[in-house]
Amino acid sequence: MSSDHPDFNATAHTLIEMAGPEFPIKNAILISVEKTHPIIAPSFYLKPTQSIADKKAAAYRSYGVRPISPSSPTKTITPIEITSRKE
């Protein structure tokens, strides 16, 4: 969606706020997740004695992500829910 689209500001407002005036947003892509599948890390098989909670915590730290909602595996993701990886 380009910035001249009538719904651009309503759709991209969070991204525009995050980027600020020094990085003008000219286009945005709206994504709606229809189906998800779990990604099973090798550690689930390589470290069988490690608890699932510890495996998940390690993966969240390694990949710089966090669960969207512990009770719902599927949800439409908005830019505000995306976290940046901290080095």
C-alpha atoms as a PDB file:
ATOM      1  CA  MET A   1       0.000   0.000   0.000  1.00  0.00           C
ATOM      2  CA  SER A   2       1.504   3.317  -1.020  1.00  0.00           C
ATOM      3  CA  SER A   3       1.353   6.503   1.021  1.00  0.00           C
ATOM      4  CA  ASP A   4      -1.238   7.995  -1.355  1.00  0.00           C
ATOM      5  CA  HIS A   5      -3.735   5.211  -0.576  1.00  0.00           C
ATOM      6  CA  PRO A   6      -6.734   6.525   1.444  1.00  0.00           C
ATOM      7  CA  ASP A   7      -6.203   3.939   4.222  1.00  0.00           C
ATOM      8  CA  PHE A   8      -2.421   4.370   4.458  1.00  0.00           C
ATOM      9  CA  ASN A   9      -2.291   6.532   7.611  1.00  0.00           C
ATOM     10  CA  ALA A  10      -4.790   4.355   9.468  1.00  0.00           C
ATOM     11  CA  THR A  11      -2.964   1.166   8.464  1.00  0.00           C
ATOM     12  CA  ALA A  12       0.631   2.320   8.934  1.00  0.00           C
ATOM     13  CA  HIS A  13       0.261   4.746  11.875  1.00  0.00           C
ATOM     14  CA  THR A  14       2.215   2.553  14.328  1.00  0.00           C
ATOM     15  CA  LEU A  15       5.038   2.035  11.837  1.00  0.00           C
ATOM     16  CA  ILE A  16       5.125   5.759  11.047  1.00  0.00           C
ATOM     17  CA  GLU A  17       5.374   6.595  14.765  1.00  0.00           C
ATOM     18  CA  MET A  18       8.136   4.017  15.289  1.00  0.00           C
ATOM     19  CA  ALA A  19      10.175   5.290  12.328  1.00  0.00           C
ATOM     20  CA  GLY A  20       9.794   8.974  13.159  1.00  0.00           C
ATOM     21  CA  PRO A  21      10.256  11.915  10.811  1.00  0.00           C
ATOM     22  CA  GLU A  22      13.866  11.019   9.981  1.00  0.00           C
ATOM     23  CA  PHE A  23      12.778   7.851   8.162  1.00  0.00           C
ATOM     24  CA  PRO A  24       9.687   8.622   6.064  1.00  0.00           C
ATOM     25  CA  ILE A  25       7.490   5.624   5.293  1.00  0.00           C
ATOM     26  CA  LYS A  26       6.419   5.565   1.632  1.00  0.00           C
ATOM     27  CA  ASN A  27       4.850   2.095   1.461  1.00  0.00           C
ATOM     28  CA  ALA A  28       3.495  -0.486   3.866  1.00  0.00           C
ATOM     29  CA  ILE A  29       2.470  -4.117   3.622  1.00  0.00           C
ATOM     30  CA  LEU A  30      -0.499  -5.315   5.638  1.00  0.00           C
ATOM     31  CA  ILE A  31      -0.196  -8.978   6.565  1.00  0.00           C
ATOM     32  CA  SER A  32      -2.916 -11.098   8.075  1.00  0.00           C
ATOM     33  CA  VAL A  33      -1.861 -14.477   9.450  1.00  0.00           C
ATOM     34  CA  GLU A  34      -4.376 -17.131   8.472  1.00  0.00           C
ATOM     35  CA  LYS A  35      -2.597 -20.249   9.679  1.00  0.00           C
ATOM     36  CA  THR A  36       0.441 -21.006  11.793  1.00  0.00           C
ATOM     37  CA  HIS A  37       2.498 -24.077  12.595  1.00  0.00           C
ATOM     38  CA  PRO A  38       4.972 -24.521  15.425  1.00  0.00           C
ATOM     39  CA  ILE A  39       8.658 -24.430  14.619  1.00  0.00           C
ATOM     40  CA  ILE A  40      10.435 -27.154  16.540  1.00  0.00           C
ATOM     41  CA  ALA A  41      13.996 -26.238  17.442  1.00  0.00           C
ATOM     42  CA  PRO A  42      16.688 -28.921  17.393  1.00  0.00           C
ATOM     43  CA  SER A  43      17.153 -28.420  21.146  1.00  0.00           C
ATOM     44  CA  PHE A  44      13.839 -30.209  21.729  1.00  0.00           C
ATOM     45  CA  TYR A  45      15.531 -33.374  20.497  1.00  0.00           C
ATOM     46  CA  LEU A  46      19.162 -32.668  21.398  1.00  0.00           C
ATOM     47  CA  LYS A  47      18.524 -31.673  25.037  1.00  0.00           C
ATOM     48  CA  PRO A  48      15.818 -34.074  26.208  1.00  0.00           C
ATOM     49  CA  THR A  49      16.414 -33.384  29.920  1.00  0.00           C
ATOM     50  CA  GLN A  50      15.961 -29.606  29.606  1.00  0.00           C
ATOM     51  CA  SER A  51      12.456 -28.470  30.545  1.00  0.00           C
ATOM     52  CA  ILE A  52      10.198 -27.086  27.828  1.00  0.00           C
ATOM     53  CA  ALA A  53       9.973 -23.774  29.708  1.00  0.00           C
ATOM     54  CA  ASP A  54      13.787 -23.505  29.729  1.00  0.00           C
ATOM     55  CA  LYS A  55      13.969 -24.405  26.021  1.00  0.00           C
ATOM     56  CA  LYS A  56      11.390 -21.752  25.155  1.00  0.00           C
ATOM     57  CA  ALA A  57      13.118 -19.112  27.300  1.00  0.00           C
ATOM     58  CA  ALA A  58      16.468 -19.873  25.622  1.00  0.00           C
ATOM     59  CA  ALA A  59      14.894 -19.635  22.164  1.00  0.00           C
ATOM     60  CA  TYR A  60      13.220 -16.312  22.975  1.00  0.00           C
ATOM     61  CA  ARG A  61      16.583 -14.942  24.131  1.00  0.00           C
ATOM     62  CA  SER A  62      18.511 -16.376  21.162  1.00  0.00           C
ATOM     63  CA  TYR A  63      16.140 -15.066  18.522  1.00  0.00           C
ATOM     64  CA  GLY A  64      15.126 -11.833  20.254  1.00  0.00           C
ATOM     65  CA  VAL A  65      11.418 -12.646  20.187  1.00  0.00           C
ATOM     66  CA  ARG A  66       8.647 -13.108  22.707  1.00  0.00           C
ATOM     67  CA  PRO A  67       5.335 -14.960  22.707  1.00  0.00           C
ATOM     68  CA  ILE A  68       2.399 -12.875  21.512  1.00  0.00           C
ATOM     69  CA  SER A  69      -0.056 -14.508  23.881  1.00  0.00           C
ATOM     70  CA  PRO A  70       0.484 -17.579  26.031  1.00  0.00           C
ATOM     71  CA  SER A  71      -3.149 -18.669  25.563  1.00  0.00           C
ATOM     72  CA  SER A  72      -3.561 -18.122  21.816  1.00  0.00           C
ATOM     73  CA  PRO A  73      -1.188 -19.593  19.215  1.00  0.00           C
ATOM     74  CA  THR A  74      -2.690 -17.559  16.346  1.00  0.00           C
ATOM     75  CA  LYS A  75      -3.344 -13.850  16.142  1.00  0.00           C
ATOM     76  CA  THR A  76      -2.981 -10.988  13.693  1.00  0.00           C
ATOM     77  CA  ILE A  77       0.347  -9.305  14.457  1.00  0.00           C
ATOM     78  CA  THR A  78       0.582  -5.532  14.490  1.00  0.00           C
ATOM     79  CA  PRO A  79       3.911  -3.674  14.290  1.00  0.00           C
ATOM     80  CA  ILE A  80       3.711  -2.699  17.969  1.00  0.00           C
ATOM     81  CA  GLU A  81       3.931  -6.399  18.916  1.00  0.00           C
ATOM     82  CA  ILE A  82       7.164  -6.936  17.028  1.00  0.00           C
ATOM     83  CA  THR A  83      10.250  -6.542  19.201  1.00  0.00           C
ATOM     84  CA  SER A  84      13.682  -5.749  17.878  1.00  0.00           C
ATOM     85  CA  ARG A  85      16.572  -8.025  18.724  1.00  0.00           C
ATOM     86  CA  LYS A  86      18.979  -6.435  21.175  1.00  0.00           C
ATOM     87  CA  GLU A  87      22.640  -7.311  20.693  1.00  0.00           C
END
